[in-house]
Amino acid sequence: MKARSVLAALALVLGALFAPGIGALSATDAHAVTKISHATATSMFRSSGITWSSSGGCSDRNVPTCTSFEQLNLATAQGAQTLRSASGCALNITGGTETGHASGTYSHWNGYKLDFGKSTCLTNYVKNTFTYIGVRGDGAPQWKSGAGNVYADEGNHWDVTFYNCGGC
């Protein structure tokens, strides 16, 4: 009877690991994520020398002109820190989890994306370090990091989808 219990437990664990949307088998599979507060994110960014700004000078998640980090994925914040340390570039976040961005599973609202202000340093780093993967449906050219995160050039800023922390 004990072997049956062990096998049942093992089946549950393996089922969770390989279940679509739950297991962490690839960079693009959705899985349970840790959400952080705006205060936690700003503390993490400040400690890494990452700045942020908003056209509205605010951080209310429900106002599209604000830049909010409320409900940001921990891996997204860590991904920004990894980008900062790996690139050596000054980073300024101009978009977070506030309303007003495109919807979808891997969206700003769901904590997967950050927008970074354009700089020569960041643009050169992305284009010279990552792999060009073609244009997005809206025409934005995209590059993919070795970790699987996707950088889209939206003209005046970089729209980055962090599927993971980028090797933190």
C-alpha atoms as a PDB file:
ATOM      1  CA  MET A   1       0.000   0.000   0.000  1.00  0.00           C
ATOM      2  CA  LYS A   2       2.882   2.369   0.755  1.00  0.00           C
ATOM      3  CA  ALA A   3       4.389   1.942  -2.747  1.00  0.00           C
ATOM      4  CA  ARG A   4       1.016   2.909  -4.219  1.00  0.00           C
ATOM      5  CA  SER A   5       1.002   6.173  -2.197  1.00  0.00           C
ATOM      6  CA  VAL A   6       4.528   6.993  -3.322  1.00  0.00           C
ATOM      7  CA  LEU A   7       3.627   6.324  -6.954  1.00  0.00           C
ATOM      8  CA  ALA A   8       0.499   8.466  -6.654  1.00  0.00           C
ATOM      9  CA  ALA A   9       2.519  11.351  -5.193  1.00  0.00           C
ATOM     10  CA  LEU A  10       5.136  10.985  -7.915  1.00  0.00           C
ATOM     11  CA  ALA A  11       2.427  11.032 -10.576  1.00  0.00           C
ATOM     12  CA  LEU A  12       1.031  14.274  -9.121  1.00  0.00           C
ATOM     13  CA  VAL A  13       4.441  15.940  -9.079  1.00  0.00           C
ATOM     14  CA  LEU A  14       5.299  14.844 -12.614  1.00  0.00           C
ATOM     15  CA  GLY A  15       1.844  15.823 -13.813  1.00  0.00           C
ATOM     16  CA  ALA A  16       2.326  19.324 -12.424  1.00  0.00           C
ATOM     17  CA  LEU A  17       5.805  19.585 -13.895  1.00  0.00           C
ATOM     18  CA  PHE A  18       4.732  18.604 -17.391  1.00  0.00           C
ATOM     19  CA  ALA A  19       1.247  20.167 -17.415  1.00  0.00           C
ATOM     20  CA  PRO A  20       0.908  22.961 -19.994  1.00  0.00           C
ATOM     21  CA  GLY A  21       0.821  26.337 -18.338  1.00  0.00           C
ATOM     22  CA  ILE A  22       2.176  25.046 -15.033  1.00  0.00           C
ATOM     23  CA  GLY A  23       5.487  23.296 -15.551  1.00  0.00           C
ATOM     24  CA  ALA A  24       8.626  25.293 -16.244  1.00  0.00           C
ATOM     25  CA  LEU A  25       9.890  23.345 -19.231  1.00  0.00           C
ATOM     26  CA  SER A  26      10.574  26.207 -21.591  1.00  0.00           C
ATOM     27  CA  ALA A  27      10.979  29.950 -21.549  1.00  0.00           C
ATOM     28  CA  THR A  28       7.600  30.483 -23.156  1.00  0.00           C
ATOM     29  CA  ASP A  29       5.440  28.164 -21.035  1.00  0.00           C
ATOM     30  CA  ALA A  30       3.254  30.128 -18.626  1.00  0.00           C
ATOM     31  CA  HIS A  31       3.712  29.023 -15.038  1.00  0.00           C
ATOM     32  CA  ALA A  32       3.113  30.206 -11.500  1.00  0.00           C
ATOM     33  CA  VAL A  33       4.960  33.447 -10.867  1.00  0.00           C
ATOM     34  CA  THR A  34       5.808  35.487  -7.788  1.00  0.00           C
ATOM     35  CA  LYS A  35       4.240  38.953  -7.833  1.00  0.00           C
ATOM     36  CA  ILE A  36       5.885  41.890  -6.078  1.00  0.00           C
ATOM     37  CA  SER A  37       4.705  45.302  -4.935  1.00  0.00           C
ATOM     38  CA  HIS A  38       5.615  48.655  -6.424  1.00  0.00           C
ATOM     39  CA  ALA A  39       7.705  49.398  -3.327  1.00  0.00           C
ATOM     40  CA  THR A  40       9.649  46.139  -3.620  1.00  0.00           C
ATOM     41  CA  ALA A  41      10.325  46.706  -7.321  1.00  0.00           C
ATOM     42  CA  THR A  42      11.513  50.294  -6.850  1.00  0.00           C
ATOM     43  CA  SER A  43      13.812  49.148  -4.056  1.00  0.00           C
ATOM     44  CA  MET A  44      15.285  46.462  -6.322  1.00  0.00           C
ATOM     45  CA  PHE A  45      15.706  48.918  -9.199  1.00  0.00           C
ATOM     46  CA  ARG A  46      17.223  51.597  -6.987  1.00  0.00           C
ATOM     47  CA  SER A  47      19.775  49.096  -5.612  1.00  0.00           C
ATOM     48  CA  SER A  48      20.866  48.288  -9.192  1.00  0.00           C
ATOM     49  CA  GLY A  49      21.035  51.887 -10.396  1.00  0.00           C
ATOM     50  CA  ILE A  50      17.940  51.558 -12.603  1.00  0.00           C
ATOM     51  CA  THR A  51      15.771  54.660 -12.868  1.00  0.00           C
ATOM     52  CA  TRP A  52      12.139  55.036 -13.880  1.00  0.00           C
ATOM     53  CA  SER A  53       9.906  57.835 -15.051  1.00  0.00           C
ATOM     54  CA  SER A  54       6.325  58.440 -16.096  1.00  0.00           C
ATOM     55  CA  SER A  55       4.755  61.029 -18.346  1.00  0.00           C
ATOM     56  CA  GLY A  56       2.157  61.634 -15.631  1.00  0.00           C
ATOM     57  CA  GLY A  57       4.631  61.763 -12.754  1.00  0.00           C
ATOM     58  CA  CYS A  58       2.724  59.025 -10.897  1.00  0.00           C
ATOM     59  CA  SER A  59       2.655  55.308 -10.087  1.00  0.00           C
ATOM     60  CA  ASP A  60      -1.075  54.444 -10.076  1.00  0.00           C
ATOM     61  CA  ARG A  61      -1.587  51.119 -11.866  1.00  0.00           C
ATOM     62  CA  ASN A  62      -5.000  52.225 -13.097  1.00  0.00           C
ATOM     63  CA  VAL A  63      -3.799  55.409 -14.822  1.00  0.00           C
ATOM     64  CA  PRO A  64      -2.174  54.913 -18.248  1.00  0.00           C
ATOM     65  CA  THR A  65       0.163  57.926 -17.950  1.00  0.00           C
ATOM     66  CA  CYS A  66       1.694  56.535 -14.745  1.00  0.00           C
ATOM     67  CA  THR A  67       4.531  54.006 -14.461  1.00  0.00           C
ATOM     68  CA  SER A  68       3.546  51.316 -11.978  1.00  0.00           C
ATOM     69  CA  PHE A  69       5.301  48.171 -10.834  1.00  0.00           C
ATOM     70  CA  GLU A  70       2.409  46.861  -8.737  1.00  0.00           C
ATOM     71  CA  GLN A  71       1.954  43.122  -9.460  1.00  0.00           C
ATOM     72  CA  LEU A  72       5.222  42.972 -11.435  1.00  0.00           C
ATOM     73  CA  ASN A  73       6.668  39.470 -11.694  1.00  0.00           C
ATOM     74  CA  LEU A  74       9.730  39.014  -9.507  1.00  0.00           C
ATOM     75  CA  ALA A  75      11.531  37.436 -12.491  1.00  0.00           C
ATOM     76  CA  THR A  76      10.796  40.566 -14.553  1.00  0.00           C
ATOM     77  CA  ALA A  77      12.378  42.831 -11.934  1.00  0.00           C
ATOM     78  CA  GLN A  78      15.332  40.454 -11.674  1.00  0.00           C
ATOM     79  CA  GLY A  79      15.560  40.403 -15.479  1.00  0.00           C
ATOM     80  CA  ALA A  80      15.891  44.183 -15.512  1.00  0.00           C
ATOM     81  CA  GLN A  81      18.651  43.914 -12.916  1.00  0.00           C
ATOM     82  CA  THR A  82      20.401  41.262 -15.028  1.00  0.00           C
ATOM     83  CA  LEU A  83      20.118  43.486 -18.107  1.00  0.00           C
ATOM     84  CA  ARG A  84      21.626  46.403 -16.185  1.00  0.00           C
ATOM     85  CA  SER A  85      24.592  44.414 -14.898  1.00  0.00           C
ATOM     86  CA  ALA A  86      25.223  42.497 -18.146  1.00  0.00           C
ATOM     87  CA  SER A  87      24.975  45.522 -20.441  1.00  0.00           C
ATOM     88  CA  GLY A  88      26.578  48.132 -18.216  1.00  0.00           C
ATOM     89  CA  CYS A  89      24.057  50.576 -19.679  1.00  0.00           C
ATOM     90  CA  ALA A  90      22.065  53.151 -17.782  1.00  0.00           C
ATOM     91  CA  LEU A  91      18.448  51.962 -17.810  1.00  0.00           C
ATOM     92  CA  ASN A  92      15.332  54.084 -17.436  1.00  0.00           C
ATOM     93  CA  ILE A  93      12.002  52.263 -17.219  1.00  0.00           C
ATOM     94  CA  THR A  94       9.164  54.178 -18.868  1.00  0.00           C
ATOM     95  CA  GLY A  95       6.432  51.543 -18.704  1.00  0.00           C
ATOM     96  CA  GLY A  96       5.459  48.876 -16.222  1.00  0.00           C
ATOM     97  CA  THR A  97       2.230  47.197 -15.157  1.00  0.00           C
ATOM     98  CA  GLU A  98      -0.063  50.183 -15.625  1.00  0.00           C
ATOM     99  CA  THR A  99      -3.168  49.974 -17.770  1.00  0.00           C
ATOM    100  CA  GLY A 100      -3.054  51.160 -21.361  1.00  0.00           C
ATOM    101  CA  HIS A 101      -0.725  48.564 -22.909  1.00  0.00           C
ATOM    102  CA  ALA A 102      -1.725  45.708 -25.198  1.00  0.00           C
ATOM    103  CA  SER A 103      -3.418  42.769 -23.480  1.00  0.00           C
ATOM    104  CA  GLY A 104      -2.371  39.128 -23.489  1.00  0.00           C
ATOM    105  CA  THR A 105      -0.863  36.467 -21.288  1.00  0.00           C
ATOM    106  CA  TYR A 106       2.667  37.906 -21.466  1.00  0.00           C
ATOM    107  CA  SER A 107       1.581  41.534 -21.105  1.00  0.00           C
ATOM    108  CA  HIS A 108       2.562  44.579 -19.106  1.00  0.00           C
ATOM    109  CA  TRP A 109      -0.581  44.216 -16.972  1.00  0.00           C
ATOM    110  CA  ASN A 110       0.310  40.599 -16.129  1.00  0.00           C
ATOM    111  CA  GLY A 111       3.807  41.620 -15.025  1.00  0.00           C
ATOM    112  CA  TYR A 112       5.908  40.186 -17.853  1.00  0.00           C
ATOM    113  CA  LYS A 113       6.891  43.388 -19.662  1.00  0.00           C
ATOM    114  CA  LEU A 114       8.823  46.566 -19.042  1.00  0.00           C
ATOM    115  CA  ASP A 115       9.486  49.453 -21.409  1.00  0.00           C
ATOM    116  CA  PHE A 116      12.981  50.977 -21.376  1.00  0.00           C
ATOM    117  CA  GLY A 117      13.884  54.376 -22.764  1.00  0.00           C
ATOM    118  CA  LYS A 118      16.096  54.218 -25.848  1.00  0.00           C
ATOM    119  CA  SER A 119      19.812  54.855 -25.531  1.00  0.00           C
ATOM    120  CA  THR A 120      22.715  54.162 -27.877  1.00  0.00           C
ATOM    121  CA  CYS A 121      24.258  51.892 -25.240  1.00  0.00           C
ATOM    122  CA  LEU A 122      21.135  49.748 -24.807  1.00  0.00           C
ATOM    123  CA  THR A 123      20.359  49.585 -28.519  1.00  0.00           C
ATOM    124  CA  ASN A 124      23.913  48.524 -29.372  1.00  0.00           C
ATOM    125  CA  TYR A 125      23.901  45.943 -26.586  1.00  0.00           C
ATOM    126  CA  VAL A 126      20.619  44.354 -27.712  1.00  0.00           C
ATOM    127  CA  LYS A 127      21.473  44.333 -31.429  1.00  0.00           C
ATOM    128  CA  ASN A 128      25.042  43.072 -30.938  1.00  0.00           C
ATOM    129  CA  THR A 129      24.360  40.511 -28.213  1.00  0.00           C
ATOM    130  CA  PHE A 130      20.985  38.954 -28.989  1.00  0.00           C
ATOM    131  CA  THR A 131      19.573  37.125 -32.009  1.00  0.00           C
ATOM    132  CA  TYR A 132      17.353  38.963 -34.464  1.00  0.00           C
ATOM    133  CA  ILE A 133      14.097  36.986 -34.809  1.00  0.00           C
ATOM    134  CA  GLY A 134      12.091  39.109 -37.243  1.00  0.00           C
ATOM    135  CA  VAL A 135       9.263  41.568 -36.904  1.00  0.00           C
ATOM    136  CA  ARG A 136       6.313  41.324 -34.569  1.00  0.00           C
ATOM    137  CA  GLY A 137       2.753  41.521 -35.894  1.00  0.00           C
ATOM    138  CA  ASP A 138       2.792  45.297 -35.413  1.00  0.00           C
ATOM    139  CA  GLY A 139       6.034  45.648 -37.393  1.00  0.00           C
ATOM    140  CA  ALA A 140       8.407  46.071 -34.429  1.00  0.00           C
ATOM    141  CA  PRO A 141      11.752  44.318 -35.050  1.00  0.00           C
ATOM    142  CA  GLN A 142      12.615  41.818 -32.304  1.00  0.00           C
ATOM    143  CA  TRP A 143      15.712  40.250 -30.761  1.00  0.00           C
ATOM    144  CA  LYS A 144      15.800  37.240 -28.451  1.00  0.00           C
ATOM    145  CA  SER A 145      18.288  36.789 -25.631  1.00  0.00           C
ATOM    146  CA  GLY A 146      19.956  33.474 -24.886  1.00  0.00           C
ATOM    147  CA  ALA A 147      17.615  33.140 -21.915  1.00  0.00           C
ATOM    148  CA  GLY A 148      14.576  33.500 -24.185  1.00  0.00           C
ATOM    149  CA  ASN A 149      13.516  37.040 -23.283  1.00  0.00           C
ATOM    150  CA  VAL A 150      12.314  39.138 -26.215  1.00  0.00           C
ATOM    151  CA  TYR A 151      13.317  42.738 -26.963  1.00  0.00           C
ATOM    152  CA  ALA A 152      11.071  44.656 -29.395  1.00  0.00           C
ATOM    153  CA  ASP A 153      12.183  47.989 -30.822  1.00  0.00           C
ATOM    154  CA  GLU A 154       9.049  50.138 -30.723  1.00  0.00           C
ATOM    155  CA  GLY A 155      10.772  53.229 -32.091  1.00  0.00           C
ATOM    156  CA  ASN A 156      11.114  55.465 -29.054  1.00  0.00           C
ATOM    157  CA  HIS A 157      11.576  52.674 -26.481  1.00  0.00           C
ATOM    158  CA  TRP A 158      12.406  49.002 -26.008  1.00  0.00           C
ATOM    159  CA  ASP A 159       9.456  46.766 -25.092  1.00  0.00           C
ATOM    160  CA  VAL A 160      10.938  43.780 -23.253  1.00  0.00           C
ATOM    161  CA  THR A 161       9.108  40.552 -22.419  1.00  0.00           C
ATOM    162  CA  PHE A 162      10.789  38.773 -19.523  1.00  0.00           C
ATOM    163  CA  TYR A 163       9.862  35.093 -19.516  1.00  0.00           C
ATOM    164  CA  ASN A 164      12.545  34.617 -16.837  1.00  0.00           C
ATOM    165  CA  CYS A 165      15.203  36.562 -14.958  1.00  0.00           C
ATOM    166  CA  GLY A 166      17.809  36.202 -17.694  1.00  0.00           C
ATOM    167  CA  GLY A 167      20.247  34.093 -15.709  1.00  0.00           C
ATOM    168  CA  CYS A 168      20.060  35.833 -12.336  1.00  0.00           C
END
